[in-house]
Amino acid sequence: MGALLLSACAPPEPPPPPQLKLDCALGFEALSAAIVAAPGMKPAVKERSEPFRYYNADGGQSSYMITEPGRRGIRRS
């Protein structure tokens, strides 16, 4: 019961950052720069074998995968 009372006095959590709006007409460089610069976006640990870099929003509400410069994405037929 004591924990319940303490949590009632805790400050409210801040709202999540607004959803990132992506415009495909901007091109790859502009889109990837917008994702990396978005507030609360954090790069995940880089896997050397992957041609991608993952970025995760604080709170885990969204994630993005960006192809690294000079690397090709996975092609599926």
Protein backbone atom coordinates (compact mmCIF):
# COMPACT_ATOMS: atom_id res chain seq x y z
CA MET A 1 0.00 0.00 0.00
CA GLY A 2 2.91 2.34 0.73
CA ALA A 3 4.23 2.02 -2.84
CA LEU A 4 0.82 2.90 -4.20
CA LEU A 5 0.72 6.08 -2.13
CA LEU A 6 4.22 7.09 -3.25
CA SER A 7 3.39 6.60 -6.92
CA ALA A 8 0.34 8.82 -6.56
CA CYS A 9 2.67 11.70 -5.64
CA ALA A 10 5.11 11.11 -8.51
CA PRO A 11 5.24 13.82 -11.16
CA PRO A 12 3.46 12.93 -14.40
CA GLU A 13 5.60 11.52 -17.18
CA PRO A 14 6.33 13.94 -20.02
CA PRO A 15 4.36 13.36 -23.21
CA PRO A 16 6.16 11.42 -25.96
CA PRO A 17 7.76 13.50 -28.71
CA PRO A 18 5.55 14.10 -31.73
CA GLN A 19 5.54 11.42 -34.42
CA LEU A 20 8.18 12.08 -37.06
CA LYS A 21 6.56 12.90 -40.41
CA LEU A 22 8.59 11.62 -43.34
CA ASP A 23 8.26 13.05 -46.86
CA CYS A 24 9.63 10.60 -49.44
CA ALA A 25 9.99 13.42 -51.97
CA LEU A 26 12.93 14.78 -49.93
CA GLY A 27 15.32 12.00 -50.90
CA PHE A 28 17.42 9.58 -48.87
CA GLU A 29 19.98 12.02 -47.44
CA ALA A 30 17.36 14.49 -46.20
CA LEU A 31 15.18 11.74 -44.73
CA SER A 32 18.04 10.04 -42.91
CA ALA A 33 19.27 13.41 -41.58
CA ALA A 34 15.76 14.20 -40.28
CA ILE A 35 15.57 10.85 -38.49
CA VAL A 36 19.00 11.22 -36.86
CA ALA A 37 18.24 14.83 -35.78
CA ALA A 38 14.79 14.05 -34.34
CA PRO A 39 14.47 14.83 -30.61
CA GLY A 40 14.99 11.77 -28.44
CA MET A 41 16.37 9.59 -31.26
CA LYS A 42 19.22 7.33 -30.13
CA PRO A 43 21.46 5.14 -32.30
CA ALA A 44 21.42 1.46 -31.41
CA VAL A 45 24.60 -0.58 -31.12
CA LYS A 46 26.14 -0.96 -34.58
CA GLU A 47 26.46 -4.51 -35.88
CA ARG A 48 29.52 -4.71 -38.15
CA SER A 49 27.96 -7.27 -40.47
CA GLU A 50 24.79 -5.22 -41.03
CA PRO A 51 24.58 -2.65 -43.84
CA PHE A 52 22.13 -0.71 -41.66
CA ARG A 53 22.14 1.48 -38.57
CA TYR A 54 19.14 1.39 -36.26
CA TYR A 55 17.76 4.44 -34.45
CA ASN A 56 15.25 4.15 -31.62
CA ALA A 57 13.07 6.86 -30.11
CA ASP A 58 13.17 7.36 -26.35
CA GLY A 59 10.38 5.28 -24.86
CA GLY A 60 10.51 2.79 -27.72
CA GLN A 61 7.48 4.13 -29.58
CA SER A 62 9.28 4.04 -32.93
CA SER A 63 12.43 2.70 -34.59
CA TYR A 64 14.10 3.42 -37.93
CA MET A 65 16.64 1.52 -40.00
CA ILE A 66 18.98 3.56 -42.23
CA THR A 67 21.36 2.08 -44.80
CA GLU A 68 24.94 3.08 -44.01
CA PRO A 69 26.79 5.24 -46.58
CA GLY A 70 28.52 3.10 -49.19
CA ARG A 71 26.57 -0.04 -48.22
CA ARG A 72 23.84 -1.72 -50.23
CA GLY A 73 20.59 -2.80 -48.70
CA ILE A 74 19.31 -6.34 -48.76
CA ARG A 75 17.81 -7.33 -52.10
CA ARG A 76 15.06 -9.89 -52.18
CA SER A 77 13.70 -11.40 -55.36
